[in-house]
Amino acid sequence: MPLYKSITVNHHTKVLIWRIEESEEKLNEDINLTLHCKERIASMKSELHRRGFLSVRQLLKVAGYEASDLNYDTEGRPHLSDKKKISITHSFQFSAIIISDEIVGIDIEKQRSKIKNIASKFTEDEFAFISEDDEIEMLTYIWCIKESLYKAYATAGISFKEHIRITPFSLNDVSGKACVDHKGKKENYQVYFLTFDGFSCAYALKI
């Protein structure tokens, strides 16, 4: 079972990361998919997406949940049956979940040079603390942080560039601060980030 990493953030928050190495058939073993899950998988044309979807259900099993314990509201946000907060992500050969009593968000992205082509669409003030030597990794972190806040804030109309701000950080840091400032409402978050196997991951907890 390729549980790649388990991170205990605090006594009521845990991150689980899965390296997706198994076949679709193998990932489908020992999990009880709901009819809705089966319909969703059937609608996915990409095997990569199907394996990502199934690996998340394997992560739920590791965390002590059944696939039926995960539901989505009308806005597409995930919820657990015991009212704990959850956020989900998958990118290529990795997937992850964060489960907490608090509002949380998580994102994983592969570090790729093409992120520089879209940097101006999601980054503004953050350009001030990005150096050319670590541009790709820093931009990927910034995207992951903003995506994790976007998931945690869960409000339509949020712009990565206009409404989410990140306190300056460096690649030597493992955590930092960020906030969402939207229509007069401001929420602050503690963010954590890590790199592994050419991927970046960030997760956020509301403070």
C-alpha atoms as a PDB file:
ATOM      1  CA  MET A   1       0.000   0.000   0.000  1.00  0.00           C
ATOM      2  CA  PRO A   2       1.818   3.119  -1.192  1.00  0.00           C
ATOM      3  CA  LEU A   3       0.839   5.583   1.512  1.00  0.00           C
ATOM      4  CA  TYR A   4       3.652   7.974   0.704  1.00  0.00           C
ATOM      5  CA  LYS A   5       3.454  10.301   3.679  1.00  0.00           C
ATOM      6  CA  SER A   6       1.388  10.880   6.805  1.00  0.00           C
ATOM      7  CA  ILE A   7       1.665  14.268   8.511  1.00  0.00           C
ATOM      8  CA  THR A   8       0.129  15.057  11.894  1.00  0.00           C
ATOM      9  CA  VAL A   9      -0.306  18.825  11.758  1.00  0.00           C
ATOM     10  CA  ASN A  10      -1.861  19.076  15.224  1.00  0.00           C
ATOM     11  CA  HIS A  11      -3.979  16.896  17.475  1.00  0.00           C
ATOM     12  CA  HIS A  12      -7.049  17.276  15.274  1.00  0.00           C
ATOM     13  CA  THR A  13      -5.551  17.695  11.772  1.00  0.00           C
ATOM     14  CA  LYS A  14      -3.860  15.079   9.575  1.00  0.00           C
ATOM     15  CA  VAL A  15      -2.532  15.034   6.018  1.00  0.00           C
ATOM     16  CA  LEU A  16      -2.268  11.777   4.060  1.00  0.00           C
ATOM     17  CA  ILE A  17      -0.420  11.552   0.725  1.00  0.00           C
ATOM     18  CA  TRP A  18      -0.639   8.600  -1.675  1.00  0.00           C
ATOM     19  CA  ARG A  19       1.767   7.690  -4.464  1.00  0.00           C
ATOM     20  CA  ILE A  20      -0.400   6.299  -7.249  1.00  0.00           C
ATOM     21  CA  GLU A  21       1.495   3.252  -8.510  1.00  0.00           C
ATOM     22  CA  GLU A  22      -1.257   0.636  -8.764  1.00  0.00           C
ATOM     23  CA  SER A  23      -3.493  -0.216 -11.664  1.00  0.00           C
ATOM     24  CA  GLU A  24      -7.079   0.963 -11.726  1.00  0.00           C
ATOM     25  CA  GLU A  25      -8.207  -2.566 -10.892  1.00  0.00           C
ATOM     26  CA  LYS A  26      -5.917  -2.794  -7.883  1.00  0.00           C
ATOM     27  CA  LEU A  27      -7.025   0.581  -6.548  1.00  0.00           C
ATOM     28  CA  ASN A  28     -10.616  -0.594  -6.806  1.00  0.00           C
ATOM     29  CA  GLU A  29     -10.001  -3.504  -4.427  1.00  0.00           C
ATOM     30  CA  ASP A  30     -11.251  -3.492  -0.836  1.00  0.00           C
ATOM     31  CA  ILE A  31     -13.261  -0.283  -1.136  1.00  0.00           C
ATOM     32  CA  ASN A  32     -17.038  -0.089  -1.259  1.00  0.00           C
ATOM     33  CA  LEU A  33     -17.887   2.464  -3.902  1.00  0.00           C
ATOM     34  CA  THR A  34     -21.288   4.107  -3.849  1.00  0.00           C
ATOM     35  CA  LEU A  35     -23.453   4.206  -6.963  1.00  0.00           C
ATOM     36  CA  HIS A  36     -22.583   7.895  -7.324  1.00  0.00           C
ATOM     37  CA  CYS A  37     -18.848   7.053  -7.203  1.00  0.00           C
ATOM     38  CA  LYS A  38     -19.294   4.390  -9.865  1.00  0.00           C
ATOM     39  CA  GLU A  39     -21.183   6.838 -12.073  1.00  0.00           C
ATOM     40  CA  ARG A  40     -18.476   9.453 -11.665  1.00  0.00           C
ATOM     41  CA  ILE A  41     -15.725   6.999 -12.576  1.00  0.00           C
ATOM     42  CA  ALA A  42     -17.699   5.824 -15.609  1.00  0.00           C
ATOM     43  CA  SER A  43     -17.884   9.426 -16.826  1.00  0.00           C
ATOM     44  CA  MET A  44     -14.095   9.941 -16.621  1.00  0.00           C
ATOM     45  CA  LYS A  45     -12.324   9.455 -19.945  1.00  0.00           C
ATOM     46  CA  SER A  46      -8.829   9.635 -18.449  1.00  0.00           C
ATOM     47  CA  GLU A  47      -7.394   6.595 -16.685  1.00  0.00           C
ATOM     48  CA  LEU A  48      -5.142   8.973 -14.752  1.00  0.00           C
ATOM     49  CA  HIS A  49      -8.175  10.761 -13.350  1.00  0.00           C
ATOM     50  CA  ARG A  50      -9.903   7.484 -12.491  1.00  0.00           C
ATOM     51  CA  ARG A  51      -6.827   6.265 -10.624  1.00  0.00           C
ATOM     52  CA  GLY A  52      -6.596   9.588  -8.802  1.00  0.00           C
ATOM     53  CA  PHE A  53     -10.246   9.330  -7.809  1.00  0.00           C
ATOM     54  CA  LEU A  54      -9.807   5.766  -6.542  1.00  0.00           C
ATOM     55  CA  SER A  55      -6.598   6.582  -4.655  1.00  0.00           C
ATOM     56  CA  VAL A  56      -8.505   9.235  -2.709  1.00  0.00           C
ATOM     57  CA  ARG A  57     -10.975   6.534  -1.637  1.00  0.00           C
ATOM     58  CA  GLN A  58      -8.003   4.425  -0.543  1.00  0.00           C
ATOM     59  CA  LEU A  59      -6.793   7.388   1.528  1.00  0.00           C
ATOM     60  CA  LEU A  60     -10.221   7.648   3.113  1.00  0.00           C
ATOM     61  CA  LYS A  61      -9.926   3.991   4.059  1.00  0.00           C
ATOM     62  CA  VAL A  62      -6.540   4.644   5.688  1.00  0.00           C
ATOM     63  CA  ALA A  63      -8.183   7.467   7.655  1.00  0.00           C
ATOM     64  CA  GLY A  64     -10.934   5.127   8.855  1.00  0.00           C
ATOM     65  CA  TYR A  65     -13.727   6.137   6.481  1.00  0.00           C
ATOM     66  CA  GLU A  66     -15.823   4.427   3.836  1.00  0.00           C
ATOM     67  CA  ALA A  67     -16.382   5.939   0.411  1.00  0.00           C
ATOM     68  CA  SER A  68     -19.995   6.510   1.470  1.00  0.00           C
ATOM     69  CA  ASP A  69     -18.783   8.822   4.266  1.00  0.00           C
ATOM     70  CA  LEU A  70     -17.704  11.385   1.664  1.00  0.00           C
ATOM     71  CA  ASN A  71     -20.347  13.593   0.102  1.00  0.00           C
ATOM     72  CA  TYR A  72     -20.384  16.769  -1.957  1.00  0.00           C
ATOM     73  CA  ASP A  73     -22.656  19.782  -1.593  1.00  0.00           C
ATOM     74  CA  THR A  74     -24.283  21.661  -4.485  1.00  0.00           C
ATOM     75  CA  GLU A  75     -21.142  23.809  -4.855  1.00  0.00           C
ATOM     76  CA  GLY A  76     -18.946  20.710  -5.207  1.00  0.00           C
ATOM     77  CA  ARG A  77     -17.316  21.007  -1.783  1.00  0.00           C
ATOM     78  CA  PRO A  78     -16.518  17.701  -0.019  1.00  0.00           C
ATOM     79  CA  HIS A  79     -17.928  16.850   3.416  1.00  0.00           C
ATOM     80  CA  LEU A  80     -17.513  13.910   5.786  1.00  0.00           C
ATOM     81  CA  SER A  81     -20.416  12.200   7.519  1.00  0.00           C
ATOM     82  CA  ASP A  82     -18.965  12.871  10.991  1.00  0.00           C
ATOM     83  CA  LYS A  83     -18.840  16.641  10.249  1.00  0.00           C
ATOM     84  CA  LYS A  84     -15.049  16.781  10.120  1.00  0.00           C
ATOM     85  CA  LYS A  85     -13.637  19.085   7.452  1.00  0.00           C
ATOM     86  CA  ILE A  86     -11.864  17.560   4.452  1.00  0.00           C
ATOM     87  CA  SER A  87     -10.037  18.801   1.379  1.00  0.00           C
ATOM     88  CA  ILE A  88      -8.863  16.662  -1.540  1.00  0.00           C
ATOM     89  CA  THR A  89      -6.283  16.957  -4.309  1.00  0.00           C
ATOM     90  CA  HIS A  90      -4.552  14.813  -6.914  1.00  0.00           C
ATOM     91  CA  SER A  91      -1.980  15.545  -9.589  1.00  0.00           C
ATOM     92  CA  PHE A  92      -0.448  12.921 -11.877  1.00  0.00           C
ATOM     93  CA  GLN A  93       0.972  10.183  -9.595  1.00  0.00           C
ATOM     94  CA  PHE A  94       0.113  11.759  -6.235  1.00  0.00           C
ATOM     95  CA  SER A  95      -3.097  12.350  -4.318  1.00  0.00           C
ATOM     96  CA  ALA A  96      -3.719  13.736  -0.845  1.00  0.00           C
ATOM     97  CA  ILE A  97      -6.386  14.538   1.701  1.00  0.00           C
ATOM     98  CA  ILE A  98      -6.403  16.723   4.781  1.00  0.00           C
ATOM     99  CA  ILE A  99      -8.917  16.031   7.544  1.00  0.00           C
ATOM    100  CA  SER A 100      -9.497  18.372  10.474  1.00  0.00           C
ATOM    101  CA  ASP A 101     -11.933  19.816  12.973  1.00  0.00           C
ATOM    102  CA  GLU A 102     -11.052  23.202  11.438  1.00  0.00           C
ATOM    103  CA  ILE A 103     -11.594  24.677   7.973  1.00  0.00           C
ATOM    104  CA  VAL A 104      -8.798  23.412   5.700  1.00  0.00           C
ATOM    105  CA  GLY A 105      -7.621  23.247   2.086  1.00  0.00           C
ATOM    106  CA  ILE A 106      -4.893  21.322   0.257  1.00  0.00           C
ATOM    107  CA  ASP A 107      -3.322  21.218  -3.196  1.00  0.00           C
ATOM    108  CA  ILE A 108      -0.575  19.273  -4.985  1.00  0.00           C
ATOM    109  CA  GLU A 109       0.935  20.371  -8.299  1.00  0.00           C
ATOM    110  CA  LYS A 110       3.725  19.082 -10.484  1.00  0.00           C
ATOM    111  CA  GLN A 111       6.568  21.567 -10.909  1.00  0.00           C
ATOM    112  CA  ARG A 112       6.620  22.490 -14.602  1.00  0.00           C
ATOM    113  CA  SER A 113       8.217  25.372 -16.464  1.00  0.00           C
ATOM    114  CA  LYS A 114       4.969  26.271 -18.200  1.00  0.00           C
ATOM    115  CA  ILE A 115       3.703  27.786 -14.942  1.00  0.00           C
ATOM    116  CA  LYS A 116       5.793  30.846 -15.837  1.00  0.00           C
ATOM    117  CA  ASN A 117       3.511  31.432 -18.808  1.00  0.00           C
ATOM    118  CA  ILE A 118       0.459  31.928 -16.583  1.00  0.00           C
ATOM    119  CA  ALA A 119       2.156  33.491 -13.535  1.00  0.00           C
ATOM    120  CA  SER A 120       0.750  36.961 -14.238  1.00  0.00           C
ATOM    121  CA  LYS A 121      -2.775  35.549 -14.019  1.00  0.00           C
ATOM    122  CA  PHE A 122      -2.483  34.455 -10.383  1.00  0.00           C
ATOM    123  CA  THR A 123       0.494  36.365  -8.972  1.00  0.00           C
ATOM    124  CA  GLU A 124       1.024  40.059  -8.311  1.00  0.00           C
ATOM    125  CA  ASP A 125       2.585  41.219  -5.017  1.00  0.00           C
ATOM    126  CA  GLU A 126       4.345  37.853  -4.704  1.00  0.00           C
ATOM    127  CA  PHE A 127       6.663  38.660  -7.623  1.00  0.00           C
ATOM    128  CA  ALA A 128       8.599  40.849  -5.170  1.00  0.00           C
ATOM    129  CA  PHE A 129      10.013  37.823  -3.302  1.00  0.00           C
ATOM    130  CA  ILE A 130      10.531  35.430  -6.223  1.00  0.00           C
ATOM    131  CA  SER A 131      14.041  35.081  -7.623  1.00  0.00           C
ATOM    132  CA  GLU A 132      14.833  33.817 -11.106  1.00  0.00           C
ATOM    133  CA  ASP A 133      16.856  30.896  -9.700  1.00  0.00           C
ATOM    134  CA  ASP A 134      13.872  29.347  -7.923  1.00  0.00           C
ATOM    135  CA  GLU A 135      11.074  30.791 -10.047  1.00  0.00           C
ATOM    136  CA  ILE A 136       9.364  27.540 -11.028  1.00  0.00           C
ATOM    137  CA  GLU A 137       9.344  26.075  -7.526  1.00  0.00           C
ATOM    138  CA  MET A 138       8.216  29.329  -5.906  1.00  0.00           C
ATOM    139  CA  LEU A 139       5.455  29.899  -8.444  1.00  0.00           C
ATOM    140  CA  THR A 140       4.249  26.334  -7.935  1.00  0.00           C
ATOM    141  CA  TYR A 141       4.179  26.895  -4.174  1.00  0.00           C
ATOM    142  CA  ILE A 142       2.260  30.140  -4.645  1.00  0.00           C
ATOM    143  CA  TRP A 143      -0.287  28.402  -6.868  1.00  0.00           C
ATOM    144  CA  CYS A 144      -0.678  25.546  -4.347  1.00  0.00           C
ATOM    145  CA  ILE A 145      -1.088  27.962  -1.432  1.00  0.00           C
ATOM    146  CA  LYS A 146      -3.681  30.016  -3.275  1.00  0.00           C
ATOM    147  CA  GLU A 147      -5.544  26.925  -4.438  1.00  0.00           C
ATOM    148  CA  SER A 148      -5.630  25.585  -0.870  1.00  0.00           C
ATOM    149  CA  LEU A 149      -7.079  28.905   0.368  1.00  0.00           C
ATOM    150  CA  TYR A 150      -9.564  28.930  -2.488  1.00  0.00           C
ATOM    151  CA  LYS A 151     -10.802  25.511  -1.397  1.00  0.00           C
ATOM    152  CA  ALA A 152     -10.915  26.481   2.275  1.00  0.00           C
ATOM    153  CA  TYR A 153     -12.723  29.796   1.710  1.00  0.00           C
ATOM    154  CA  ALA A 154     -15.154  28.100  -0.697  1.00  0.00           C
ATOM    155  CA  THR A 155     -16.922  31.215  -1.968  1.00  0.00           C
ATOM    156  CA  ALA A 156     -17.790  31.938  -5.585  1.00  0.00           C
ATOM    157  CA  GLY A 157     -16.039  34.861  -7.226  1.00  0.00           C
ATOM    158  CA  ILE A 158     -12.653  34.557  -5.513  1.00  0.00           C
ATOM    159  CA  SER A 159      -9.718  35.665  -7.653  1.00  0.00           C
ATOM    160  CA  PHE A 160      -6.265  34.208  -6.938  1.00  0.00           C
ATOM    161  CA  LYS A 161      -4.677  37.473  -8.039  1.00  0.00           C
ATOM    162  CA  GLU A 162      -7.040  40.015  -6.518  1.00  0.00           C
ATOM    163  CA  HIS A 163      -8.297  38.430  -3.304  1.00  0.00           C
ATOM    164  CA  ILE A 164      -5.581  36.087  -1.987  1.00  0.00           C
ATOM    165  CA  ARG A 165      -2.379  37.495  -0.481  1.00  0.00           C
ATOM    166  CA  ILE A 166       0.652  35.559   0.754  1.00  0.00           C
ATOM    167  CA  THR A 167       3.176  36.835   3.305  1.00  0.00           C
ATOM    168  CA  PRO A 168       6.704  36.680   1.798  1.00  0.00           C
ATOM    169  CA  PHE A 169       8.485  33.354   2.317  1.00  0.00           C
ATOM    170  CA  SER A 170      11.543  31.507   1.029  1.00  0.00           C
ATOM    171  CA  LEU A 171      12.268  27.936  -0.010  1.00  0.00           C
ATOM    172  CA  ASN A 172      13.933  27.410   3.353  1.00  0.00           C
ATOM    173  CA  ASP A 173      10.603  27.944   5.107  1.00  0.00           C
ATOM    174  CA  VAL A 174       8.103  25.185   5.795  1.00  0.00           C
ATOM    175  CA  SER A 175       5.173  27.393   6.795  1.00  0.00           C
ATOM    176  CA  GLY A 176       3.863  30.901   6.465  1.00  0.00           C
ATOM    177  CA  LYS A 177       0.775  33.102   6.462  1.00  0.00           C
ATOM    178  CA  ALA A 178      -1.795  34.030   3.845  1.00  0.00           C
ATOM    179  CA  CYS A 179      -5.205  35.656   3.756  1.00  0.00           C
ATOM    180  CA  VAL A 180      -8.345  36.010   1.680  1.00  0.00           C
ATOM    181  CA  ASP A 181      -9.722  39.550   1.460  1.00  0.00           C
ATOM    182  CA  HIS A 182     -13.020  39.519  -0.413  1.00  0.00           C
ATOM    183  CA  LYS A 183     -15.904  41.997  -0.336  1.00  0.00           C
ATOM    184  CA  GLY A 184     -14.929  43.407   3.042  1.00  0.00           C
ATOM    185  CA  LYS A 185     -14.488  39.989   4.649  1.00  0.00           C
ATOM    186  CA  LYS A 186     -10.964  38.971   5.604  1.00  0.00           C
ATOM    187  CA  GLU A 187      -9.866  35.501   6.722  1.00  0.00           C
ATOM    188  CA  ASN A 188      -6.330  34.592   7.842  1.00  0.00           C
ATOM    189  CA  TYR A 189      -4.708  31.205   7.316  1.00  0.00           C
ATOM    190  CA  GLN A 190      -1.631  29.346   8.460  1.00  0.00           C
ATOM    191  CA  VAL A 191      -0.103  27.637   5.438  1.00  0.00           C
ATOM    192  CA  TYR A 192       2.388  24.777   5.236  1.00  0.00           C
ATOM    193  CA  PHE A 193       4.332  23.640   2.183  1.00  0.00           C
ATOM    194  CA  LEU A 194       6.662  20.848   1.127  1.00  0.00           C
ATOM    195  CA  THR A 195       8.355  19.494  -1.999  1.00  0.00           C
ATOM    196  CA  PHE A 196       8.803  15.853  -3.029  1.00  0.00           C
ATOM    197  CA  ASP A 197       9.716  14.077  -6.260  1.00  0.00           C
ATOM    198  CA  GLY A 198       9.262  17.187  -8.408  1.00  0.00           C
ATOM    199  CA  PHE A 199       5.905  18.077  -6.865  1.00  0.00           C
ATOM    200  CA  SER A 200       4.844  20.869  -4.535  1.00  0.00           C
ATOM    201  CA  CYS A 201       2.168  20.567  -1.879  1.00  0.00           C
ATOM    202  CA  ALA A 202       0.555  23.221   0.304  1.00  0.00           C
ATOM    203  CA  TYR A 203      -2.177  23.007   2.883  1.00  0.00           C
ATOM    204  CA  ALA A 204      -3.960  25.758   4.788  1.00  0.00           C
ATOM    205  CA  LEU A 205      -5.708  25.997   8.142  1.00  0.00           C
ATOM    206  CA  LYS A 206      -7.966  28.890   9.052  1.00  0.00           C
ATOM    207  CA  ILE A 207      -6.715  30.867  12.092  1.00  0.00           C
END
